[in-house]
PDB file of N, CA and C in Angstrom:
ATOM      1  N   MET A   1       0.740  -1.093   0.181  1.00  0.00           N
ATOM      2  CA  MET A   1       0.079   0.108  -0.048  1.00  0.00           C
ATOM      3  C   MET A   1       0.884   1.305   0.027  1.00  0.00           C
ATOM      4  N   LYS A   2       1.911   1.257   1.014  1.00  0.00           N
ATOM      5  CA  LYS A   2       2.655   2.488   0.997  1.00  0.00           C
ATOM      6  C   LYS A   2       3.347   2.493  -0.205  1.00  0.00           C
ATOM      7  N   GLN A   3       4.090   1.559  -0.767  1.00  0.00           N
ATOM      8  CA  GLN A   3       4.781   1.781  -2.028  1.00  0.00           C
ATOM      9  C   GLN A   3       3.875   2.098  -3.274  1.00  0.00           C
ATOM     10  N   HIS A   4       2.404   1.701  -3.226  1.00  0.00           N
ATOM     11  CA  HIS A   4       1.436   2.081  -4.496  1.00  0.00           C
ATOM     12  C   HIS A   4       1.328   3.789  -4.192  1.00  0.00           C
ATOM     13  N   ILE A   5       1.349   4.133  -2.874  1.00  0.00           N
ATOM     14  CA  ILE A   5       1.234   5.728  -2.761  1.00  0.00           C
ATOM     15  C   ILE A   5       2.439   6.397  -3.373  1.00  0.00           C
ATOM     16  N   LEU A   6       3.552   6.044  -2.812  1.00  0.00           N
ATOM     17  CA  LEU A   6       4.756   6.604  -3.257  1.00  0.00           C
ATOM     18  C   LEU A   6       4.925   6.564  -4.878  1.00  0.00           C
ATOM     19  N   THR A   7       4.484   5.389  -5.448  1.00  0.00           N
ATOM     20  CA  THR A   7       4.601   5.457  -6.858  1.00  0.00           C
ATOM     21  C   THR A   7       3.671   6.620  -7.673  1.00  0.00           C
ATOM     22  N   LYS A   8       2.377   6.441  -6.888  1.00  0.00           N
ATOM     23  CA  LYS A   8       1.599   7.517  -7.510  1.00  0.00           C
ATOM     24  C   LYS A   8       2.072   8.992  -7.286  1.00  0.00           C
ATOM     25  N   VAL A   9       2.649   9.215  -6.283  1.00  0.00           N
ATOM     26  CA  VAL A   9       3.017  10.780  -5.995  1.00  0.00           C
ATOM     27  C   VAL A   9       4.244  10.986  -6.792  1.00  0.00           C
ATOM     28  N   LYS A  10       5.368   9.864  -7.138  1.00  0.00           N
ATOM     29  CA  LYS A  10       6.249  10.121  -7.760  1.00  0.00           C
ATOM     30  C   LYS A  10       5.919  10.226  -9.541  1.00  0.00           C
ATOM     31  N   GLY A  11       4.687   9.636  -9.621  1.00  0.00           N
ATOM     32  CA  GLY A  11       4.416   9.613 -11.212  1.00  0.00           C
ATOM     33  C   GLY A  11       3.614  11.091 -11.245  1.00  0.00           C
ATOM     34  N   LYS A  12       2.969  11.561 -10.551  1.00  0.00           N
ATOM     35  CA  LYS A  12       2.363  13.054 -10.428  1.00  0.00           C
ATOM     36  C   LYS A  12       3.520  14.154 -10.703  1.00  0.00           C
ATOM     37  N   TRP A  13       4.423  13.811  -9.876  1.00  0.00           N
ATOM     38  CA  TRP A  13       5.506  14.665  -9.874  1.00  0.00           C
ATOM     39  C   TRP A  13       6.294  14.803 -11.130  1.00  0.00           C
ATOM     40  N   ASP A  14       6.729  13.559 -11.683  1.00  0.00           N
ATOM     41  CA  ASP A  14       7.304  13.610 -12.876  1.00  0.00           C
ATOM     42  C   ASP A  14       6.471  14.180 -13.988  1.00  0.00           C
ATOM     43  N   ALA A  15       4.962  14.069 -14.015  1.00  0.00           N
ATOM     44  CA  ALA A  15       4.392  14.667 -14.918  1.00  0.00           C
ATOM     45  C   ALA A  15       4.100  15.971 -14.989  1.00  0.00           C
ATOM     46  N   GLN A  16       4.689  16.783 -13.788  1.00  0.00           N
ATOM     47  CA  GLN A  16       4.698  18.294 -13.720  1.00  0.00           C
ATOM     48  C   GLN A  16       5.556  18.924 -14.690  1.00  0.00           C
ATOM     49  N   PRO A  17       5.260  19.961 -14.861  1.00  0.00           N
ATOM     50  CA  PRO A  17       6.288  20.780 -15.766  1.00  0.00           C
ATOM     51  C   PRO A  17       7.449  21.530 -15.049  1.00  0.00           C
ATOM     52  N   PRO A  18       8.391  21.698 -15.588  1.00  0.00           N
ATOM     53  CA  PRO A  18       9.590  22.135 -14.662  1.00  0.00           C
ATOM     54  C   PRO A  18       9.276  23.660 -13.890  1.00  0.00           C
ATOM     55  N   LYS A  19       8.313  24.415 -14.541  1.00  0.00           N
ATOM     56  CA  LYS A  19       8.054  25.595 -13.775  1.00  0.00           C
ATOM     57  C   LYS A  19       7.167  25.410 -12.340  1.00  0.00           C
ATOM     58  N   GLU A  20       6.529  24.235 -12.517  1.00  0.00           N
ATOM     59  CA  GLU A  20       5.681  23.704 -11.254  1.00  0.00           C
ATOM     60  C   GLU A  20       6.387  23.313 -10.208  1.00  0.00           C
ATOM     61  N   LYS A  21       7.405  22.510 -10.795  1.00  0.00           N
ATOM     62  CA  LYS A  21       8.188  21.981  -9.696  1.00  0.00           C
ATOM     63  C   LYS A  21       8.982  23.080  -8.908  1.00  0.00           C
ATOM     64  N   ILE A  22       9.570  24.014  -9.630  1.00  0.00           N
ATOM     65  CA  ILE A  22      10.220  25.021  -8.753  1.00  0.00           C
ATOM     66  C   ILE A  22       9.254  25.834  -8.129  1.00  0.00           C
ATOM     67  N   TRP A  23       7.852  25.864  -8.428  1.00  0.00           N
ATOM     68  CA  TRP A  23       6.977  26.707  -7.714  1.00  0.00           C
ATOM     69  C   TRP A  23       6.883  25.672  -6.124  1.00  0.00           C
ATOM     70  N   TRP A  24       6.772  24.389  -6.297  1.00  0.00           N
ATOM     71  CA  TRP A  24       6.726  23.409  -5.158  1.00  0.00           C
ATOM     72  C   TRP A  24       7.879  23.488  -4.210  1.00  0.00           C
ATOM     73  N   VAL A  25       8.823  23.555  -4.866  1.00  0.00           N
ATOM     74  CA  VAL A  25      10.171  23.553  -4.072  1.00  0.00           C
ATOM     75  C   VAL A  25      10.344  25.045  -3.641  1.00  0.00           C
ATOM     76  N   ARG A  26      10.105  26.074  -4.132  1.00  0.00           N
ATOM     77  CA  ARG A  26      10.134  27.121  -3.683  1.00  0.00           C
ATOM     78  C   ARG A  26       9.198  27.480  -2.222  1.00  0.00           C
ATOM     79  N   ASN A  27       8.046  26.851  -2.423  1.00  0.00           N
ATOM     80  CA  ASN A  27       7.141  26.977  -1.272  1.00  0.00           C
ATOM     81  C   ASN A  27       7.364  26.393  -0.042  1.00  0.00           C
ATOM     82  N   ILE A  28       7.877  24.845  -0.442  1.00  0.00           N
ATOM     83  CA  ILE A  28       8.307  23.995   0.713  1.00  0.00           C
ATOM     84  C   ILE A  28       9.627  24.723   1.173  1.00  0.00           C
ATOM     85  N   THR A  29      10.404  25.567   0.914  1.00  0.00           N
ATOM     86  CA  THR A  29      11.743  26.007   1.438  1.00  0.00           C
ATOM     87  C   THR A  29      10.977  27.485   2.036  1.00  0.00           C
ATOM     88  N   ALA A  30      10.042  28.074   1.662  1.00  0.00           N
ATOM     89  CA  ALA A  30       9.488  29.075   2.240  1.00  0.00           C
ATOM     90  C   ALA A  30       9.035  28.649   3.627  1.00  0.00           C
ATOM     91  N   MET A  31       8.561  27.498   3.624  1.00  0.00           N
ATOM     92  CA  MET A  31       8.018  26.817   5.227  1.00  0.00           C
ATOM     93  C   MET A  31       9.271  26.520   5.834  1.00  0.00           C
ATOM     94  N   LEU A  32      10.012  25.982   5.549  1.00  0.00           N
ATOM     95  CA  LEU A  32      11.234  25.370   6.184  1.00  0.00           C
ATOM     96  C   LEU A  32      12.108  26.810   6.544  1.00  0.00           C
ATOM     97  N   SER A  33      12.006  27.687   5.962  1.00  0.00           N
ATOM     98  CA  SER A  33      12.852  28.924   6.154  1.00  0.00           C
ATOM     99  C   SER A  33      12.088  29.858   7.133  1.00  0.00           C
ATOM    100  N   SER A  34      10.896  29.696   7.181  1.00  0.00           N
ATOM    101  CA  SER A  34      10.263  30.430   8.289  1.00  0.00           C
ATOM    102  C   SER A  34      10.146  29.681   9.642  1.00  0.00           C
ATOM    103  N   ILE A  35      10.450  28.887   9.814  1.00  0.00           N
ATOM    104  CA  ILE A  35      10.758  27.880  10.904  1.00  0.00           C
ATOM    105  C   ILE A  35      12.312  28.132  11.212  1.00  0.00           C
ATOM    106  N   ALA A  36      13.011  28.366  10.275  1.00  0.00           N
ATOM    107  CA  ALA A  36      14.381  28.789  10.659  1.00  0.00           C
ATOM    108  C   ALA A  36      14.518  30.000  11.073  1.00  0.00           C
ATOM    109  N   SER A  37      13.703  31.027  10.551  1.00  0.00           N
ATOM    110  CA  SER A  37      13.734  32.455  10.994  1.00  0.00           C
ATOM    111  C   SER A  37      13.401  32.508  12.267  1.00  0.00           C
ATOM    112  N   THR A  38      12.136  31.858  12.643  1.00  0.00           N
ATOM    113  CA  THR A  38      11.857  31.767  14.068  1.00  0.00           C
ATOM    114  C   THR A  38      12.585  31.159  15.107  1.00  0.00           C
ATOM    115  N   ILE A  39      13.253  30.256  14.494  1.00  0.00           N
ATOM    116  CA  ILE A  39      14.158  29.903  15.769  1.00  0.00           C
ATOM    117  C   ILE A  39      15.538  30.627  15.855  1.00  0.00           C
ATOM    118  N   ILE A  40      15.965  31.225  14.585  1.00  0.00           N
ATOM    119  CA  ILE A  40      17.250  32.033  14.794  1.00  0.00           C
ATOM    120  C   ILE A  40      16.916  33.265  15.768  1.00  0.00           C
ATOM    121  N   LYS A  41      15.973  33.907  15.888  1.00  0.00           N
ATOM    122  CA  LYS A  41      15.522  35.412  16.432  1.00  0.00           C
ATOM    123  C   LYS A  41      15.757  35.011  17.783  1.00  0.00           C
ATOM    124  N   PRO A  42      15.130  34.085  18.615  1.00  0.00           N
ATOM    125  CA  PRO A  42      15.674  33.716  20.098  1.00  0.00           C
ATOM    126  C   PRO A  42      16.944  33.608  20.300  1.00  0.00           C
ATOM    127  N   ILE A  43      17.541  32.773  19.409  1.00  0.00           N
ATOM    128  CA  ILE A  43      19.043  32.517  19.720  1.00  0.00           C
ATOM    129  C   ILE A  43      20.014  33.708  19.852  1.00  0.00           C
ATOM    130  N   LEU A  44      19.567  34.540  18.931  1.00  0.00           N
ATOM    131  CA  LEU A  44      20.302  36.158  18.589  1.00  0.00           C
ATOM    132  C   LEU A  44      19.925  37.251  19.702  1.00  0.00           C
ATOM    133  N   PHE A  45      18.779  36.705  19.889  1.00  0.00           N
ATOM    134  CA  PHE A  45      18.169  38.050  20.961  1.00  0.00           C
ATOM    135  C   PHE A  45      17.023  37.369  22.057  1.00  0.00           C
ATOM    136  N   PRO A  46      17.508  36.745  23.043  1.00  0.00           N
ATOM    137  CA  PRO A  46      16.644  36.038  23.903  1.00  0.00           C
ATOM    138  C   PRO A  46      15.060  36.645  24.431  1.00  0.00           C
ATOM    139  N   PRO A  47      14.986  37.830  24.754  1.00  0.00           N
ATOM    140  CA  PRO A  47      13.582  38.156  24.950  1.00  0.00           C
ATOM    141  C   PRO A  47      12.901  38.386  23.805  1.00  0.00           C
ATOM    142  N   LEU A  48      11.497  37.659  23.895  1.00  0.00           N
ATOM    143  CA  LEU A  48      10.828  37.767  22.833  1.00  0.00           C
ATOM    144  C   LEU A  48       9.971  38.536  22.614  1.00  0.00           C
ATOM    145  N   LEU A  49       9.706  39.587  23.691  1.00  0.00           N
ATOM    146  CA  LEU A  49       8.547  40.246  23.696  1.00  0.00           C
ATOM    147  C   LEU A  49       8.638  41.829  23.025  1.00  0.00           C
ATOM    148  N   ASP A  50       9.778  41.891  22.146  1.00  0.00           N
ATOM    149  CA  ASP A  50      10.004  43.161  21.326  1.00  0.00           C
ATOM    150  C   ASP A  50       9.089  43.046  20.403  1.00  0.00           C
ATOM    151  N   ILE A  51       9.209  44.143  19.465  1.00  0.00           N
ATOM    152  CA  ILE A  51       8.459  44.141  17.932  1.00  0.00           C
ATOM    153  C   ILE A  51       9.245  43.669  16.961  1.00  0.00           C
ATOM    154  N   MET A  52       8.660  42.979  16.123  1.00  0.00           N
ATOM    155  CA  MET A  52       9.411  42.188  15.123  1.00  0.00           C
ATOM    156  C   MET A  52       9.960  43.490  14.214  1.00  0.00           C
ATOM    157  N   LEU A  53      11.170  42.866  13.653  1.00  0.00           N
ATOM    158  CA  LEU A  53      12.021  43.972  13.098  1.00  0.00           C
ATOM    159  C   LEU A  53      12.593  45.234  13.759  1.00  0.00           C
ATOM    160  N   SER A  54      12.217  45.171  15.015  1.00  0.00           N
ATOM    161  CA  SER A  54      12.522  46.428  15.610  1.00  0.00           C
ATOM    162  C   SER A  54      14.101  46.241  16.276  1.00  0.00           C
ATOM    163  N   SER A  55      14.690  45.103  16.122  1.00  0.00           N
ATOM    164  CA  SER A  55      15.981  44.771  16.909  1.00  0.00           C
ATOM    165  C   SER A  55      16.798  44.146  15.616  1.00  0.00           C
ATOM    166  N   PRO A  56      18.155  44.564  15.731  1.00  0.00           N
ATOM    167  CA  PRO A  56      19.088  43.778  14.711  1.00  0.00           C
ATOM    168  C   PRO A  56      18.965  42.224  14.695  1.00  0.00           C
ATOM    169  N   SER A  57      18.733  41.715  15.770  1.00  0.00           N
ATOM    170  CA  SER A  57      18.377  40.315  15.567  1.00  0.00           C
ATOM    171  C   SER A  57      17.149  39.964  14.753  1.00  0.00           C
ATOM    172  N   SER A  58      16.146  40.721  14.821  1.00  0.00           N
ATOM    173  CA  SER A  58      14.831  40.424  14.124  1.00  0.00           C
ATOM    174  C   SER A  58      15.008  40.688  12.469  1.00  0.00           C
ATOM    175  N   THR A  59      15.920  41.747  12.257  1.00  0.00           N
ATOM    176  CA  THR A  59      16.400  42.056  10.847  1.00  0.00           C
ATOM    177  C   THR A  59      17.132  41.051  10.227  1.00  0.00           C
ATOM    178  N   ILE A  60      18.217  40.500  11.252  1.00  0.00           N
ATOM    179  CA  ILE A  60      19.118  39.485  10.663  1.00  0.00           C
ATOM    180  C   ILE A  60      17.898  37.936  10.350  1.00  0.00           C
ATOM    181  N   ALA A  61      17.150  37.835  11.305  1.00  0.00           N
ATOM    182  CA  ALA A  61      16.199  36.568  11.024  1.00  0.00           C
ATOM    183  C   ALA A  61      15.286  36.655   9.885  1.00  0.00           C
ATOM    184  N   ALA A  62      14.885  37.943   9.693  1.00  0.00           N
ATOM    185  CA  ALA A  62      14.201  38.163   8.412  1.00  0.00           C
ATOM    186  C   ALA A  62      14.971  37.815   6.951  1.00  0.00           C
ATOM    187  N   LEU A  63      16.482  38.638   7.066  1.00  0.00           N
ATOM    188  CA  LEU A  63      16.815  38.494   6.109  1.00  0.00           C
ATOM    189  C   LEU A  63      17.453  37.218   5.759  1.00  0.00           C
ATOM    190  N   THR A  64      17.818  36.157   6.818  1.00  0.00           N
ATOM    191  CA  THR A  64      18.219  35.027   6.595  1.00  0.00           C
ATOM    192  C   THR A  64      17.110  33.953   5.995  1.00  0.00           C
ATOM    193  N   GLY A  65      15.761  34.249   6.451  1.00  0.00           N
ATOM    194  CA  GLY A  65      14.771  33.540   5.718  1.00  0.00           C
ATOM    195  C   GLY A  65      14.298  34.123   4.221  1.00  0.00           C
ATOM    196  N   VAL A  66      14.687  35.394   3.824  1.00  0.00           N
ATOM    197  CA  VAL A  66      14.208  35.681   2.547  1.00  0.00           C
ATOM    198  C   VAL A  66      15.548  35.185   1.864  1.00  0.00           C
ATOM    199  N   THR A  67      16.759  35.548   2.013  1.00  0.00           N
ATOM    200  CA  THR A  67      17.859  34.535   1.777  1.00  0.00           C
ATOM    201  C   THR A  67      17.698  33.151   1.283  1.00  0.00           C
ATOM    202  N   LEU A  68      17.192  32.284   2.281  1.00  0.00           N
ATOM    203  CA  LEU A  68      16.922  31.153   2.152  1.00  0.00           C
ATOM    204  C   LEU A  68      15.775  30.834   0.932  1.00  0.00           C
ATOM    205  N   ILE A  69      14.628  31.558   0.900  1.00  0.00           N
ATOM    206  CA  ILE A  69      13.802  31.651  -0.037  1.00  0.00           C
ATOM    207  C   ILE A  69      14.183  31.832  -1.541  1.00  0.00           C
ATOM    208  N   LEU A  70      15.284  32.564  -1.389  1.00  0.00           N
ATOM    209  CA  LEU A  70      15.976  33.079  -3.047  1.00  0.00           C
ATOM    210  C   LEU A  70      16.940  32.192  -3.478  1.00  0.00           C
ATOM    211  N   ILE A  71      17.830  31.538  -2.398  1.00  0.00           N
ATOM    212  CA  ILE A  71      18.977  31.093  -2.817  1.00  0.00           C
ATOM    213  C   ILE A  71      18.864  29.293  -2.892  1.00  0.00           C
ATOM    214  N   VAL A  72      18.127  28.891  -1.823  1.00  0.00           N
ATOM    215  CA  VAL A  72      18.046  27.453  -1.797  1.00  0.00           C
ATOM    216  C   VAL A  72      16.990  26.719  -2.848  1.00  0.00           C
ATOM    217  N   PRO A  73      16.093  27.204  -3.248  1.00  0.00           N
ATOM    218  CA  PRO A  73      15.331  27.030  -4.101  1.00  0.00           C
ATOM    219  C   PRO A  73      16.111  26.721  -5.673  1.00  0.00           C
ATOM    220  N   ALA A  74      16.820  27.799  -5.902  1.00  0.00           N
ATOM    221  CA  ALA A  74      17.720  28.022  -7.120  1.00  0.00           C
ATOM    222  C   ALA A  74      18.766  26.895  -7.048  1.00  0.00           C
ATOM    223  N   ILE A  75      19.268  26.531  -6.084  1.00  0.00           N
ATOM    224  CA  ILE A  75      20.385  25.441  -6.004  1.00  0.00           C
ATOM    225  C   ILE A  75      19.879  24.266  -5.910  1.00  0.00           C
ATOM    226  N   LEU A  76      18.568  23.873  -5.564  1.00  0.00           N
ATOM    227  CA  LEU A  76      17.731  22.505  -5.449  1.00  0.00           C
ATOM    228  C   LEU A  76      17.425  22.381  -6.835  1.00  0.00           C
ATOM    229  N   SER A  77      16.795  23.534  -7.545  1.00  0.00           N
ATOM    230  CA  SER A  77      16.158  23.012  -8.853  1.00  0.00           C
ATOM    231  C   SER A  77      17.403  22.971  -9.988  1.00  0.00           C
ATOM    232  N   ARG A  78      18.364  23.589  -9.613  1.00  0.00           N
ATOM    233  CA  ARG A  78      19.506  23.435 -10.974  1.00  0.00           C
ATOM    234  C   ARG A  78      20.277  22.251 -10.602  1.00  0.00           C
ATOM    235  N   TYR A  79      20.650  21.682  -9.442  1.00  0.00           N
ATOM    236  CA  TYR A  79      21.623  20.629  -9.202  1.00  0.00           C
ATOM    237  C   TYR A  79      21.128  19.549  -8.945  1.00  0.00           C
ATOM    238  N   TYR A  80      19.785  19.587  -8.250  1.00  0.00           N
ATOM    239  CA  TYR A  80      19.353  18.198  -7.709  1.00  0.00           C
ATOM    240  C   TYR A  80      18.137  17.854  -8.922  1.00  0.00           C
ATOM    241  N   LEU A  81      17.273  18.913  -9.278  1.00  0.00           N
ATOM    242  CA  LEU A  81      16.205  18.618 -10.101  1.00  0.00           C
ATOM    243  C   LEU A  81      16.682  18.545 -11.471  1.00  0.00           C
ATOM    244  N   LYS A  82      17.882  19.028 -11.908  1.00  0.00           N
ATOM    245  CA  LYS A  82      18.208  19.345 -13.272  1.00  0.00           C
ATOM    246  C   LYS A  82      17.713  20.174 -14.251  1.00  0.00           C
ATOM    247  N   ILE A  83      16.922  21.415 -13.550  1.00  0.00           N
ATOM    248  CA  ILE A  83      16.144  22.078 -14.205  1.00  0.00           C
ATOM    249  C   ILE A  83      16.926  23.220 -14.784  1.00  0.00           C
ATOM    250  N   THR A  84      16.961  23.421 -15.946  1.00  0.00           N
ATOM    251  CA  THR A  84      17.848  24.648 -16.613  1.00  0.00           C
ATOM    252  C   THR A  84      16.720  25.703 -17.024  1.00  0.00           C
ATOM    253  N   GLN A  85      17.534  26.751 -17.331  1.00  0.00           N
ATOM    254  CA  GLN A  85      16.643  28.013 -17.538  1.00  0.00           C
ATOM    255  C   GLN A  85      16.060  27.954 -18.938  1.00  0.00           C
ATOM    256  N   GLU A  86      16.635  27.245 -19.825  1.00  0.00           N
ATOM    257  CA  GLU A  86      15.903  26.949 -20.977  1.00  0.00           C
ATOM    258  C   GLU A  86      14.460  26.304 -20.822  1.00  0.00           C
ATOM    259  N   GLN A  87      14.600  25.365 -19.837  1.00  0.00           N
ATOM    260  CA  GLN A  87      13.065  24.739 -19.839  1.00  0.00           C
ATOM    261  C   GLN A  87      12.239  25.567 -19.175  1.00  0.00           C
ATOM    262  N   ILE A  88      12.486  26.688 -18.743  1.00  0.00           N
ATOM    263  CA  ILE A  88      11.502  27.562 -17.899  1.00  0.00           C
ATOM    264  C   ILE A  88      11.256  28.869 -18.715  1.00  0.00           C
ATOM    265  N   GLY A  89      12.122  29.253 -19.622  1.00  0.00           N
ATOM    266  CA  GLY A  89      11.909  30.309 -20.432  1.00  0.00           C
ATOM    267  C   GLY A  89      12.760  31.462 -20.313  1.00  0.00           C
ATOM    268  N   GLY A  90      14.035  31.341 -19.609  1.00  0.00           N
ATOM    269  CA  GLY A  90      15.012  32.359 -19.408  1.00  0.00           C
ATOM    270  C   GLY A  90      15.302  32.434 -17.780  1.00  0.00           C
ATOM    271  N   TRP A  91      16.212  33.164 -17.682  1.00  0.00           N
ATOM    272  CA  TRP A  91      16.663  33.309 -16.242  1.00  0.00           C
ATOM    273  C   TRP A  91      15.445  34.176 -15.044  1.00  0.00           C
ATOM    274  N   MET A  92      14.824  34.981 -15.800  1.00  0.00           N
ATOM    275  CA  MET A  92      13.927  35.773 -15.107  1.00  0.00           C
ATOM    276  C   MET A  92      12.807  34.690 -14.547  1.00  0.00           C
ATOM    277  N   PRO A  93      11.976  33.870 -15.419  1.00  0.00           N
ATOM    278  CA  PRO A  93      11.208  33.115 -14.847  1.00  0.00           C
ATOM    279  C   PRO A  93      11.567  32.119 -13.878  1.00  0.00           C
ATOM    280  N   TYR A  94      12.920  31.727 -13.989  1.00  0.00           N
ATOM    281  CA  TYR A  94      13.734  30.684 -13.148  1.00  0.00           C
ATOM    282  C   TYR A  94      13.821  31.327 -11.677  1.00  0.00           C
ATOM    283  N   PHE A  95      13.832  32.467 -11.504  1.00  0.00           N
ATOM    284  CA  PHE A  95      14.140  33.194 -10.160  1.00  0.00           C
ATOM    285  C   PHE A  95      12.422  33.514  -9.704  1.00  0.00           C
ATOM    286  N   THR A  96      11.867  33.949 -10.508  1.00  0.00           N
ATOM    287  CA  THR A  96      10.468  34.598  -9.931  1.00  0.00           C
ATOM    288  C   THR A  96       9.149  33.529  -9.764  1.00  0.00           C
ATOM    289  N   ALA A  97       9.423  32.077 -10.346  1.00  0.00           N
ATOM    290  CA  ALA A  97       8.451  31.396 -10.613  1.00  0.00           C
ATOM    291  C   ALA A  97       7.873  31.078  -9.130  1.00  0.00           C
ATOM    292  N   GLY A  98       6.721  31.672  -8.669  1.00  0.00           N
ATOM    293  CA  GLY A  98       6.092  31.359  -7.284  1.00  0.00           C
ATOM    294  C   GLY A  98       6.982  32.188  -6.136  1.00  0.00           C
ATOM    295  N   LEU A  99       7.821  33.271  -6.590  1.00  0.00           N
ATOM    296  CA  LEU A  99       8.307  33.910  -5.480  1.00  0.00           C
ATOM    297  C   LEU A  99       7.413  34.879  -4.715  1.00  0.00           C
ATOM    298  N   ILE A 100       6.453  35.291  -5.221  1.00  0.00           N
ATOM    299  CA  ILE A 100       5.352  36.040  -4.486  1.00  0.00           C
ATOM    300  C   ILE A 100       4.854  35.395  -3.329  1.00  0.00           C
ATOM    301  N   THR A 101       4.270  33.968  -3.828  1.00  0.00           N
ATOM    302  CA  THR A 101       3.505  33.193  -3.315  1.00  0.00           C
ATOM    303  C   THR A 101       4.263  32.763  -1.852  1.00  0.00           C
ATOM    304  N   SER A 102       5.453  32.590  -2.459  1.00  0.00           N
ATOM    305  CA  SER A 102       6.674  31.919  -1.309  1.00  0.00           C
ATOM    306  C   SER A 102       7.015  32.897  -0.375  1.00  0.00           C
ATOM    307  N   LEU A 103       7.006  34.525  -0.976  1.00  0.00           N
ATOM    308  CA  LEU A 103       7.360  35.358   0.292  1.00  0.00           C
ATOM    309  C   LEU A 103       6.245  35.648   1.347  1.00  0.00           C
ATOM    310  N   PHE A 104       4.752  35.732   0.580  1.00  0.00           N
ATOM    311  CA  PHE A 104       3.784  35.840   1.444  1.00  0.00           C
ATOM    312  C   PHE A 104       3.661  34.495   2.599  1.00  0.00           C
ATOM    313  N   LEU A 105       3.920  33.286   2.091  1.00  0.00           N
ATOM    314  CA  LEU A 105       3.764  32.135   3.117  1.00  0.00           C
ATOM    315  C   LEU A 105       4.841  32.115   3.959  1.00  0.00           C
ATOM    316  N   TRP A 106       5.901  32.622   3.411  1.00  0.00           N
ATOM    317  CA  TRP A 106       7.122  32.750   4.616  1.00  0.00           C
ATOM    318  C   TRP A 106       6.456  33.862   5.722  1.00  0.00           C
ATOM    319  N   LEU A 107       6.172  34.929   5.243  1.00  0.00           N
ATOM    320  CA  LEU A 107       5.951  36.096   5.913  1.00  0.00           C
ATOM    321  C   LEU A 107       4.721  35.666   7.055  1.00  0.00           C
ATOM    322  N   THR A 108       3.526  35.007   6.494  1.00  0.00           N
ATOM    323  CA  THR A 108       2.529  34.529   7.183  1.00  0.00           C
ATOM    324  C   THR A 108       2.933  33.444   8.477  1.00  0.00           C
ATOM    325  N   LEU A 109       3.833  32.407   7.871  1.00  0.00           N
ATOM    326  CA  LEU A 109       3.990  31.222   8.861  1.00  0.00           C
ATOM    327  C   LEU A 109       5.150  31.956   9.708  1.00  0.00           C
ATOM    328  N   TRP A 110       5.992  32.883   9.463  1.00  0.00           N
ATOM    329  CA  TRP A 110       6.909  33.284  10.343  1.00  0.00           C
ATOM    330  C   TRP A 110       6.185  34.452  11.523  1.00  0.00           C
ATOM    331  N   THR A 111       5.458  35.023  10.932  1.00  0.00           N
ATOM    332  CA  THR A 111       4.452  36.022  11.914  1.00  0.00           C
ATOM    333  C   THR A 111       3.736  35.281  13.091  1.00  0.00           C
ATOM    334  N   THR A 112       3.058  34.084  12.442  1.00  0.00           N
ATOM    335  CA  THR A 112       2.256  33.221  13.284  1.00  0.00           C
ATOM    336  C   THR A 112       3.055  32.511  14.114  1.00  0.00           C
ATOM    337  N   ALA A 113       4.222  31.976  13.889  1.00  0.00           N
ATOM    338  CA  ALA A 113       5.141  31.178  14.664  1.00  0.00           C
ATOM    339  C   ALA A 113       5.650  32.016  15.856  1.00  0.00           C
ATOM    340  N   TYR A 114       6.225  33.248  15.310  1.00  0.00           N
ATOM    341  CA  TYR A 114       6.648  34.541  16.150  1.00  0.00           C
ATOM    342  C   TYR A 114       5.743  34.958  17.256  1.00  0.00           C
ATOM    343  N   THR A 115       4.428  34.886  16.855  1.00  0.00           N
ATOM    344  CA  THR A 115       3.572  35.467  17.772  1.00  0.00           C
ATOM    345  C   THR A 115       3.092  34.574  18.928  1.00  0.00           C
ATOM    346  N   LEU A 116       3.058  33.195  18.505  1.00  0.00           N
ATOM    347  CA  LEU A 116       2.754  32.097  19.286  1.00  0.00           C
ATOM    348  C   LEU A 116       4.028  31.707  20.060  1.00  0.00           C
ATOM    349  N   LEU A 117       5.330  32.225  19.911  1.00  0.00           N
ATOM    350  CA  LEU A 117       6.349  32.084  20.781  1.00  0.00           C
ATOM    351  C   LEU A 117       6.562  33.480  21.621  1.00  0.00           C
ATOM    352  N   SER A 118       5.935  34.240  21.384  1.00  0.00           N
ATOM    353  CA  SER A 118       6.071  35.592  22.317  1.00  0.00           C
ATOM    354  C   SER A 118       4.845  35.619  23.378  1.00  0.00           C
ATOM    355  N   THR A 119       3.909  34.892  23.221  1.00  0.00           N
ATOM    356  CA  THR A 119       2.819  35.208  24.090  1.00  0.00           C
ATOM    357  C   THR A 119       2.853  34.010  25.351  1.00  0.00           C
TER     358      THR A 119
END
């Protein structure tokens, strides 16, 4: 049963166009980087009751998350998934496919996690 489900998921993944694969990689990376940004903030600045982006540690956490959203999907899609810019339609779509969605997803998850930790 488990093997059958994995085979179906892999078949659906292989059937997706490269642009959709980049979209998924970017959004999964956004979820993981929002967790990383939430964890980085208390490590850099232990009191959690300050306002977001009001301290240097918050800015570092935010910049780390956004950097992860931009760099990690590009590396994964280029070297692991073997997707080239010619398959997508150039460099611009290669870096912007799903970017707005992933940024809003990251911001929402980071704000939610930050709020839950600070209460």
